Every structure is written in structure tokens, then in C-alpha cells.
C-alpha atoms as a PDB file:
ATOM      1  CA  MET A   1      21.453  -0.038 -45.598  1.00  0.00           C
ATOM      2  CA  LEU A   2      19.044   2.742 -44.757  1.00  0.00           C
ATOM      3  CA  GLU A   3      16.263   0.488 -45.532  1.00  0.00           C
ATOM      4  CA  SER A   4      17.431  -2.224 -42.976  1.00  0.00           C
ATOM      5  CA  ILE A   5      17.784   0.597 -40.396  1.00  0.00           C
ATOM      6  CA  ILE A   6      14.229   1.878 -41.078  1.00  0.00           C
ATOM      7  CA  THR A   7      12.718  -1.706 -41.009  1.00  0.00           C
ATOM      8  CA  ALA A   8      14.397  -2.576 -37.747  1.00  0.00           C
ATOM      9  CA  ALA A   9      13.196   0.916 -36.049  1.00  0.00           C
ATOM     10  CA  LEU A  10       9.702   0.197 -37.283  1.00  0.00           C
ATOM     11  CA  ILE A  11       9.775  -3.429 -35.911  1.00  0.00           C
ATOM     12  CA  CYS A  12      11.252  -2.061 -32.432  1.00  0.00           C
ATOM     13  CA  GLY A  13       8.403   0.554 -32.432  1.00  0.00           C
ATOM     14  CA  ALA A  14       5.759  -2.115 -33.211  1.00  0.00           C
ATOM     15  CA  ILE A  15       7.109  -4.085 -30.395  1.00  0.00           C
ATOM     16  CA  ALA A  16       7.103  -1.295 -27.864  1.00  0.00           C
ATOM     17  CA  ILE A  17       3.531  -0.407 -28.698  1.00  0.00           C
ATOM     18  CA  ILE A  18       2.219  -3.817 -28.161  1.00  0.00           C
ATOM     19  CA  LEU A  19       4.089  -4.275 -24.927  1.00  0.00           C
ATOM     20  CA  GLY A  20       2.693  -0.896 -23.689  1.00  0.00           C
ATOM     21  CA  VAL A  21      -0.824  -1.992 -24.528  1.00  0.00           C
ATOM     22  CA  VAL A  22      -0.230  -5.210 -22.726  1.00  0.00           C
ATOM     23  CA  ILE A  23       1.153  -3.593 -19.552  1.00  0.00           C
ATOM     24  CA  ALA A  24      -1.719  -1.194 -19.663  1.00  0.00           C
ATOM     25  CA  ILE A  25      -4.293  -3.828 -19.705  1.00  0.00           C
ATOM     26  CA  ALA A  26      -2.306  -5.773 -17.090  1.00  0.00           C
ATOM     27  CA  ALA A  27      -2.375  -2.884 -14.949  1.00  0.00           C
ATOM     28  CA  LYS A  28      -6.262  -2.669 -15.183  1.00  0.00           C
ATOM     29  CA  VAL A  29      -6.942  -6.149 -14.671  1.00  0.00           C
ATOM     30  CA  LEU A  30      -4.440  -6.982 -11.847  1.00  0.00           C
ATOM     31  CA  TYR A  31      -5.303  -3.778  -9.986  1.00  0.00           C
ATOM     32  CA  VAL A  32      -5.603  -4.348  -6.112  1.00  0.00           C
ATOM     33  CA  LYS A  33      -7.950  -2.061  -4.325  1.00  0.00           C
ATOM     34  CA  PRO A  34      -6.106  -0.660  -1.410  1.00  0.00           C
ATOM     35  CA  ASP A  35      -7.627  -1.359   2.216  1.00  0.00           C
ATOM     36  CA  GLU A  36      -9.344   1.834   3.543  1.00  0.00           C
ATOM     37  CA  ARG A  37      -9.049   0.593   6.904  1.00  0.00           C
ATOM     38  CA  ILE A  38      -5.160   0.613   6.951  1.00  0.00           C
ATOM     39  CA  LYS A  39      -5.353   4.276   5.576  1.00  0.00           C
ATOM     40  CA  ILE A  40      -7.639   5.453   8.364  1.00  0.00           C
ATOM     41  CA  ILE A  41      -5.448   3.690  11.228  1.00  0.00           C
ATOM     42  CA  PHE A  42      -2.503   5.129   9.623  1.00  0.00           C
ATOM     43  CA  GLU A  43      -3.739   8.744   9.842  1.00  0.00           C
ATOM     44  CA  MET A  44      -4.239   8.305  13.586  1.00  0.00           C
ATOM     45  CA  LEU A  45      -0.510   7.031  14.155  1.00  0.00           C
ATOM     46  CA  PRO A  46       2.144   9.787  15.088  1.00  0.00           C
ATOM     47  CA  HIS A  47       3.748   9.205  11.717  1.00  0.00           C
ATOM     48  CA  PHE A  48       7.487   8.910  13.418  1.00  0.00           C
ATOM     49  CA  ASN A  49       8.370   5.841  11.546  1.00  0.00           C
ATOM     50  CA  CYS A  50      10.728   5.156  14.193  1.00  0.00           C
ATOM     51  CA  GLY A  51      10.465   1.259  14.057  1.00  0.00           C
ATOM     52  CA  SER A  52      10.190   0.835  17.919  1.00  0.00           C
ATOM     53  CA  CYS A  53       7.001  -1.461  17.291  1.00  0.00           C
ATOM     54  CA  GLY A  54       9.063  -3.777  15.248  1.00  0.00           C
ATOM     55  CA  THR A  55       7.753  -2.890  11.780  1.00  0.00           C
ATOM     56  CA  PRO A  56       9.622  -0.472   9.268  1.00  0.00           C
ATOM     57  CA  GLY A  57       7.348   2.164   9.828  1.00  0.00           C
ATOM     58  CA  CYS A  58       3.939   3.462  10.751  1.00  0.00           C
ATOM     59  CA  GLU A  59       2.110   2.168   7.530  1.00  0.00           C
ATOM     60  CA  ALA A  60       3.419  -1.218   8.099  1.00  0.00           C
ATOM     61  CA  PHE A  61       2.185  -0.924  11.663  1.00  0.00           C
ATOM     62  CA  ALA A  62      -1.083   0.045  10.443  1.00  0.00           C
ATOM     63  CA  THR A  63      -1.354  -2.756   8.145  1.00  0.00           C
ATOM     64  CA  GLU A  64      -0.424  -5.294  11.281  1.00  0.00           C
ATOM     65  CA  LEU A  65      -3.039  -3.561  13.227  1.00  0.00           C
ATOM     66  CA  VAL A  66      -5.822  -4.256  10.830  1.00  0.00           C
ATOM     67  CA  ALA A  67      -4.574  -7.687  10.228  1.00  0.00           C
ATOM     68  CA  GLY A  68      -4.714  -8.439  14.145  1.00  0.00           C
ATOM     69  CA  ASN A  69      -1.033  -9.421  14.329  1.00  0.00           C
ATOM     70  CA  MET A  70      -0.199  -6.487  16.649  1.00  0.00           C
ATOM     71  CA  GLN A  71      -1.827  -4.129  19.402  1.00  0.00           C
ATOM     72  CA  PRO A  72      -1.752  -0.352  19.635  1.00  0.00           C
ATOM     73  CA  LYS A  73       0.326  -0.486  22.632  1.00  0.00           C
ATOM     74  CA  SER A  74       3.243  -1.566  20.646  1.00  0.00           C
ATOM     75  CA  CYS A  75       3.501   2.110  19.356  1.00  0.00           C
ATOM     76  CA  ARG A  76       5.790   3.576  22.047  1.00  0.00           C
ATOM     77  CA  PRO A  77       5.574   7.283  20.769  1.00  0.00           C
ATOM     78  CA  CYS A  78       1.735   7.175  20.782  1.00  0.00           C
ATOM     79  CA  LYS A  79       0.303   8.724  23.531  1.00  0.00           C
ATOM     80  CA  PRO A  80      -2.010   6.515  26.072  1.00  0.00           C
ATOM     81  CA  ASP A  81      -5.386   8.342  25.065  1.00  0.00           C
ATOM     82  CA  ARG A  82      -4.515   8.279  21.502  1.00  0.00           C
ATOM     83  CA  ARG A  83      -3.843   4.444  21.727  1.00  0.00           C
ATOM     84  CA  VAL A  84      -7.470   4.155  23.195  1.00  0.00           C
ATOM     85  CA  GLU A  85      -8.798   6.071  20.267  1.00  0.00           C
ATOM     86  CA  ILE A  86      -6.885   3.695  17.781  1.00  0.00           C
ATOM     87  CA  GLU A  87      -8.320   0.714  19.742  1.00  0.00           C
ATOM     88  CA  GLU A  88     -11.596   1.929  19.457  1.00  0.00           C
ATOM     89  CA  LYS A  89     -11.430   2.868  15.823  1.00  0.00           C
ATOM     90  CA  LEU A  90      -9.968  -0.357  15.149  1.00  0.00           C
ATOM     91  CA  GLU A  91     -12.809  -2.304  16.816  1.00  0.00           C
ATOM     92  CA  GLU A  92     -15.412  -0.397  14.843  1.00  0.00           C
ATOM     93  CA  LEU A  93     -13.534  -0.802  11.601  1.00  0.00           C
ATOM     94  CA  LEU A  94     -13.334  -4.665  12.152  1.00  0.00           C
ATOM     95  CA  ASN A  95     -16.834  -5.041  13.332  1.00  0.00           C
ATOM     96  CA  GLN A  96     -17.959  -3.210  10.083  1.00  0.00           C
ATOM     97  CA  GLU A  97     -16.236  -5.705   8.029  1.00  0.00           C
ATOM     98  CA  SER A  98     -18.219  -8.690   9.791  1.00  0.00           C
END
């Protein structure tokens, strides 16, 4: 009886180690580098996460801005002079990519 419990525990332990190694390798192989442009634009936003632009929050809005799907004027809490700064920075970042 005790022998079968030890055998089962060793098999479960071996399976856990193998799966842990597979997950660690998959994490390295499938890693997606984040887009630094999104981080830069996100830092310029007011961080209210109000959703008035139609996205769930400021990070999603920054992602849409970088993708070209939205304009900075969609952010209602953002001051007009800050919108201009965001537009200029966005244009600069998109031109660097080309």
C-alpha cells in the first residue's frame, strides 16, 4: 500500500517537473516584445481610464492611437495643448518606424 502511494507521488512529481520545463521553454520561445511606442503615448495620457474615448482605458486608447485607429482628440479629459503634444509625438514615432 505505501509502495503504491510513493510510486504515484513520484510519477506526479515527474509529470509536474516535465510540464514546468515545457512551460518555461514555451514562455521563452513565444515571448512577444511589447511595443515601446504604446508605452510612450500611454505615459502622455491623463490616466483617468474613464472610457469616454470608447476604449476600456488609457492603455487601450494608446494602443489604438499607435495603430492609427483613433485620434488624440477622442480623449475628452486631455487638455488641448497636451493633445497637440501627443499628435506630434505620435507622428514622430510613426515616422521613425518607416
